[in-house]
Amino acid sequence: MKKVFLFTLSFLFTTSVYSFELRSPIKEGGLIYGKLSTGEKLYLDNQEIKSTKSGFFFLGLPQDAKILKLILVTKNEKKEMEFPVLQQKWQEEYITGLQPDKVTPTNKNQDRINKENNLIKQARNNFNENYFPFCFIRPVKNYKRISSPFGTRRILNNIKKAGHSGVDYAASIGTKIYAPADGVVALAHQDMFLSGKTLLINHGFGLFSSYSHLNYINVKQGDKVKKGDEIGQVGNTGRSTGPHLHYVITWKNVRVDPEQLITDFSCEKK
């Protein structure tokens, strides 16, 4: 495993010494991997960060985050902590030629989008402790280029939108898509308004991956997948101007940079 940064944080109290580790950069749009010592609990926004029996955990920082606030608790002590978040420089991307109703949907289509977004949100609410993903691969091997990186400020048909939620891998229709880590298929939808044929995989401990604009889906909801299993094919369905895979990683509905999983959490030799 390649560790880019190692932050070791220790706190000394009158009756005890305890510490925890953050093993990833604290940057906006980033996924943080860390480890708690025995008996410690960690809280973010008053919600406990679930960890494995060995104390390992993930947490994600949204794009535009400025401060990370955590609370570390043991049986007798509590410590509130704040960490500055490394700011990123995001690109701007202009995309034209989209169907107007795909950029500014009609009321009818917006209702459909809302219902489909709720399906995804509900699927992401299922917590899974059977897996703790760590070694990741890219979901596509034979891609031509990254046509749109994570976080890009997008202007669609001259209308400003939110930062790009994932990574776009430009590839030919039919290019195979592989599971980046073990997990369970949380959703397999054949026709979403924006994302077309769509897959969602639950990788455990709040981490999910999603795949949009597919040409074909190989799996169904509830299927268990192993890292490297073929799960679908690149397509051009939904709101898309060309064949590509729109690949998104979320932690508890917080979108983080999928490419970081390769640079920070891959177990493959570079």
Protein backbone atom coordinates (compact mmCIF):
# COMPACT_ATOMS: atom_id res chain seq x y z
CA MET A 1 0.00 0.00 0.00
CA LYS A 2 1.22 3.45 -0.86
CA LYS A 3 0.78 6.04 1.89
CA VAL A 4 1.07 9.58 0.63
CA PHE A 5 0.89 11.26 4.02
CA LEU A 6 0.80 10.05 7.60
CA PHE A 7 -0.69 12.30 10.25
CA THR A 8 -0.26 11.00 13.80
CA LEU A 9 -2.27 12.96 16.35
CA SER A 10 -1.65 12.45 20.07
CA PHE A 11 -3.33 14.03 23.08
CA LEU A 12 -2.09 13.92 26.69
CA PHE A 13 -4.59 14.18 29.55
CA THR A 14 -4.09 14.08 33.32
CA THR A 15 -5.32 10.50 33.65
CA SER A 16 -4.66 8.92 30.25
CA VAL A 17 -2.83 9.06 26.97
CA TYR A 18 -4.61 8.19 23.75
CA SER A 19 -4.11 8.89 20.08
CA PHE A 20 -5.54 8.29 16.66
CA GLU A 21 -4.12 8.49 13.16
CA LEU A 22 -5.20 10.16 9.93
CA ARG A 23 -3.34 8.46 7.11
CA SER A 24 -4.42 10.63 4.16
CA PRO A 25 -4.19 14.31 3.20
CA ILE A 26 -6.89 16.55 4.70
CA LYS A 27 -8.08 18.12 1.46
CA GLU A 28 -11.43 19.23 0.09
CA GLY A 29 -13.10 16.54 -1.95
CA GLY A 30 -10.81 13.96 -0.36
CA LEU A 31 -11.28 10.62 1.35
CA ILE A 32 -9.50 10.25 4.69
CA TYR A 33 -8.42 6.87 6.02
CA GLY A 34 -7.45 6.50 9.67
CA LYS A 35 -7.19 4.32 12.74
CA LEU A 36 -8.55 4.62 16.25
CA SER A 37 -6.91 3.17 19.33
CA THR A 38 -8.78 0.70 21.55
CA GLY A 39 -11.70 2.32 23.38
CA GLU A 40 -11.74 5.50 21.28
CA LYS A 41 -14.74 6.85 19.38
CA LEU A 42 -14.70 9.54 16.71
CA TYR A 43 -17.56 11.91 15.86
CA LEU A 44 -18.21 14.16 12.87
CA ASP A 45 -21.22 16.50 12.93
CA ASN A 46 -22.45 14.70 16.07
CA GLN A 47 -22.50 11.35 14.24
CA GLU A 48 -20.17 8.53 15.22
CA ILE A 49 -17.69 7.40 12.56
CA LYS A 50 -18.04 3.61 12.43
CA SER A 51 -14.78 1.68 12.49
CA THR A 52 -13.71 -1.93 12.15
CA LYS A 53 -12.86 -4.06 15.18
CA SER A 54 -9.24 -3.07 14.57
CA GLY A 55 -10.16 0.63 14.59
CA PHE A 56 -9.87 1.46 10.88
CA PHE A 57 -12.28 4.04 9.44
CA PHE A 58 -13.04 6.28 6.46
CA LEU A 59 -14.48 9.77 6.29
CA GLY A 60 -15.03 12.09 3.34
CA LEU A 61 -14.68 15.85 2.93
CA PRO A 62 -16.97 17.67 0.48
CA GLN A 63 -15.76 20.03 -2.19
CA ASP A 64 -15.38 23.56 -0.74
CA ALA A 65 -14.84 22.28 2.83
CA LYS A 66 -12.68 24.72 4.83
CA ILE A 67 -12.38 23.18 8.32
CA LEU A 68 -12.58 19.58 9.52
CA LYS A 69 -14.12 19.40 13.01
CA LEU A 70 -13.86 16.12 14.89
CA ILE A 71 -14.59 14.96 18.43
CA LEU A 72 -12.48 12.18 19.92
CA VAL A 73 -13.98 10.37 22.92
CA THR A 74 -12.86 7.67 25.35
CA LYS A 75 -14.60 6.43 28.48
CA ASN A 76 -13.46 9.42 30.55
CA GLU A 77 -12.24 12.08 28.12
CA LYS A 78 -13.50 14.17 25.20
CA LYS A 79 -11.44 16.33 22.86
CA GLU A 80 -12.78 18.71 20.20
CA MET A 81 -10.39 19.22 17.29
CA GLU A 82 -10.23 21.42 14.19
CA PHE A 83 -7.97 20.88 11.19
CA PRO A 84 -7.47 23.22 8.21
CA VAL A 85 -8.51 21.69 4.90
CA LEU A 86 -6.14 21.92 1.95
CA GLN A 87 -7.87 23.87 -0.82
CA GLN A 88 -7.85 22.60 -4.40
CA LYS A 89 -7.70 24.50 -7.68
CA TRP A 90 -10.69 23.40 -9.73
CA GLN A 91 -10.87 23.66 -13.50
CA GLU A 92 -13.78 25.12 -15.46
CA GLU A 93 -15.42 23.13 -18.23
CA TYR A 94 -17.85 24.38 -20.88
CA ILE A 95 -20.16 21.77 -22.38
CA THR A 96 -22.54 22.67 -25.20
CA GLY A 97 -24.90 20.77 -27.46
CA LEU A 98 -26.92 19.16 -24.67
CA GLN A 99 -30.68 18.83 -25.10
CA PRO A 100 -32.22 21.87 -23.34
CA ASP A 101 -34.52 19.72 -21.18
CA LYS A 102 -31.48 17.77 -19.95
CA VAL A 103 -29.97 21.01 -18.59
CA THR A 104 -33.19 22.72 -17.47
CA PRO A 105 -35.72 19.91 -17.10
CA THR A 106 -39.46 20.40 -17.42
CA ASN A 107 -41.54 20.07 -14.25
CA LYS A 108 -42.52 16.55 -15.29
CA ASN A 109 -38.93 15.52 -15.87
CA GLN A 110 -37.78 17.21 -12.66
CA ASP A 111 -40.29 15.11 -10.74
CA ARG A 112 -38.78 12.03 -12.36
CA ILE A 113 -35.25 13.17 -11.49
CA ASN A 114 -36.28 13.75 -7.86
CA LYS A 115 -37.75 10.25 -7.59
CA GLU A 116 -34.63 8.70 -9.13
CA ASN A 117 -32.36 10.70 -6.82
CA ASN A 118 -34.38 9.41 -3.87
CA LEU A 119 -33.85 5.83 -5.05
CA ILE A 120 -30.09 6.43 -5.03
CA LYS A 121 -30.20 8.20 -1.67
CA GLN A 122 -32.18 5.37 -0.08
CA ALA A 123 -29.76 2.78 -1.47
CA ARG A 124 -26.85 4.71 0.04
CA ASN A 125 -28.48 4.69 3.47
CA ASN A 126 -27.78 0.97 3.88
CA PHE A 127 -24.72 0.53 6.06
CA ASN A 128 -22.56 -2.52 5.37
CA GLU A 129 -19.98 -3.86 7.84
CA ASN A 130 -19.17 -6.98 5.83
CA TYR A 131 -16.58 -5.14 3.74
CA PHE A 132 -13.89 -2.59 4.40
CA PRO A 133 -12.53 -1.59 0.98
CA PHE A 134 -8.92 -0.60 0.79
CA CYS A 135 -7.14 -1.83 -2.36
CA PHE A 136 -8.79 -0.16 -5.36
CA ILE A 137 -8.45 -0.53 -9.11
CA ARG A 138 -9.83 1.72 -11.82
CA PRO A 139 -13.18 0.51 -13.12
CA VAL A 140 -12.01 0.81 -16.73
CA LYS A 141 -8.66 -0.30 -18.11
CA ASN A 142 -8.89 0.63 -21.78
CA TYR A 143 -10.06 4.23 -21.48
CA LYS A 144 -8.81 6.84 -23.93
CA ARG A 145 -8.49 9.74 -21.50
CA ILE A 146 -10.08 11.42 -18.51
CA SER A 147 -12.45 13.74 -20.31
CA SER A 148 -13.62 15.49 -17.14
CA PRO A 149 -11.89 15.24 -13.73
CA PHE A 150 -13.55 15.39 -10.34
CA GLY A 151 -14.56 18.83 -9.04
CA THR A 152 -14.52 20.64 -12.39
CA ARG A 153 -16.81 23.68 -12.33
CA ARG A 154 -19.19 22.86 -15.16
CA ILE A 155 -21.05 25.27 -17.43
CA LEU A 156 -23.70 23.34 -19.38
CA ASN A 157 -25.17 25.17 -22.38
CA ASN A 158 -23.84 28.38 -20.74
CA ILE A 159 -25.62 27.60 -17.43
CA LYS A 160 -23.37 27.25 -14.36
CA LYS A 161 -23.76 23.99 -12.46
CA ALA A 162 -22.18 22.44 -9.37
CA GLY A 163 -18.70 20.94 -9.40
CA HIS A 164 -18.37 17.68 -11.31
CA SER A 165 -19.38 14.87 -8.96
CA GLY A 166 -17.02 12.22 -10.31
CA VAL A 167 -14.52 11.31 -13.03
CA ASP A 168 -15.41 10.80 -16.69
CA TYR A 169 -13.41 8.13 -18.50
CA ALA A 170 -13.81 8.52 -22.27
CA ALA A 171 -13.97 5.06 -23.85
CA SER A 172 -15.61 3.24 -26.74
CA ILE A 173 -19.12 1.87 -26.35
CA GLY A 174 -18.88 -1.67 -25.05
CA THR A 175 -15.63 -1.14 -23.11
CA LYS A 176 -15.72 -3.41 -20.06
CA ILE A 177 -16.28 -1.97 -16.58
CA TYR A 178 -14.89 -3.75 -13.51
CA ALA A 179 -15.71 -3.58 -9.81
CA PRO A 180 -12.95 -1.48 -8.17
CA ALA A 181 -13.31 -3.33 -4.84
CA ASP A 182 -15.47 -6.00 -3.20
CA GLY A 183 -19.06 -5.11 -2.41
CA VAL A 184 -22.78 -5.65 -2.97
CA VAL A 185 -24.86 -4.19 -5.82
CA ALA A 186 -27.16 -1.69 -4.10
CA LEU A 187 -28.99 -0.51 -7.24
CA ALA A 188 -29.19 -1.49 -10.90
CA HIS A 189 -31.43 0.83 -12.96
CA GLN A 190 -32.00 0.51 -16.69
CA ASP A 191 -33.07 4.06 -17.52
CA MET A 192 -32.50 7.10 -15.33
CA PHE A 193 -33.23 10.52 -16.83
CA LEU A 194 -29.78 12.01 -16.27
CA SER A 195 -27.51 9.00 -15.78
CA GLY A 196 -29.11 6.47 -18.13
CA LYS A 197 -28.28 2.87 -17.25
CA THR A 198 -26.94 3.18 -13.72
CA LEU A 199 -25.20 0.97 -11.15
CA LEU A 200 -24.49 1.53 -7.46
CA ILE A 201 -22.20 -0.69 -5.35
CA ASN A 202 -22.00 -0.72 -1.54
CA HIS A 203 -18.35 -1.26 -0.56
CA GLY A 204 -18.87 -1.05 3.20
CA PHE A 205 -18.47 1.48 6.02
CA GLY A 206 -20.34 4.21 4.14
CA LEU A 207 -18.38 3.97 0.88
CA PHE A 208 -20.27 3.57 -2.42
CA SER A 209 -19.31 3.65 -6.08
CA SER A 210 -21.71 4.53 -8.91
CA TYR A 211 -21.52 4.08 -12.69
CA SER A 212 -23.57 6.12 -15.16
CA HIS A 213 -24.40 6.17 -18.90
CA LEU A 214 -23.81 2.43 -19.29
CA ASN A 215 -24.55 0.51 -22.46
CA TYR A 216 -25.12 -2.76 -20.62
CA ILE A 217 -25.39 -3.92 -16.99
CA ASN A 218 -24.02 -7.37 -16.10
CA VAL A 219 -25.28 -7.59 -12.51
CA LYS A 220 -28.48 -7.13 -10.55
CA GLN A 221 -29.39 -5.63 -7.18
CA GLY A 222 -28.23 -7.82 -4.31
CA ASP A 223 -25.38 -9.49 -6.23
CA LYS A 224 -22.07 -9.80 -4.40
CA VAL A 225 -19.11 -8.70 -6.49
CA LYS A 226 -15.38 -9.15 -6.12
CA LYS A 227 -12.72 -6.67 -7.14
CA GLY A 228 -12.10 -7.13 -10.86
CA ASP A 229 -15.49 -8.68 -11.67
CA GLU A 230 -17.04 -7.40 -14.91
CA ILE A 231 -20.14 -5.40 -13.94
CA GLY A 232 -21.10 -3.60 -17.18
CA GLN A 233 -20.07 -1.81 -20.34
CA VAL A 234 -19.39 1.84 -21.19
CA GLY A 235 -22.24 3.52 -23.05
CA ASN A 236 -23.80 6.84 -24.01
CA THR A 237 -27.19 6.77 -22.25
CA GLY A 238 -28.88 9.56 -20.29
CA ARG A 239 -27.44 13.11 -20.32
CA SER A 240 -24.30 12.40 -22.30
CA THR A 241 -22.60 13.96 -25.33
CA GLY A 242 -20.38 10.96 -26.09
CA PRO A 243 -19.49 7.48 -24.87
CA HIS A 244 -17.87 7.52 -21.44
CA LEU A 245 -18.14 6.19 -17.89
CA HIS A 246 -19.19 8.69 -15.24
CA TYR A 247 -17.68 7.19 -12.09
CA VAL A 248 -18.59 8.55 -8.64
CA ILE A 249 -17.33 7.66 -5.15
CA THR A 250 -19.33 8.76 -2.12
CA TRP A 251 -18.88 8.43 1.62
CA LYS A 252 -22.23 8.93 3.38
CA ASN A 253 -23.48 10.94 0.36
CA VAL A 254 -20.31 13.11 0.37
CA ARG A 255 -18.72 12.96 -3.07
CA VAL A 256 -14.95 12.49 -3.09
CA ASP A 257 -12.30 12.27 -5.79
CA PRO A 258 -12.27 8.73 -7.28
CA GLU A 259 -8.74 9.17 -8.62
CA GLN A 260 -7.49 9.55 -5.03
CA LEU A 261 -8.41 5.91 -4.48
CA ILE A 262 -5.76 5.02 -7.05
CA THR A 263 -3.04 7.40 -5.85
CA ASP A 264 -3.59 6.88 -2.10
CA PHE A 265 -5.33 3.56 -1.62
CA SER A 266 -4.23 1.30 -4.45
CA CYS A 267 -2.28 -1.85 -3.56
CA GLU A 268 -0.99 -2.25 -7.08
CA LYS A 269 2.60 -1.42 -7.92
CA LYS A 270 2.97 1.81 -9.88
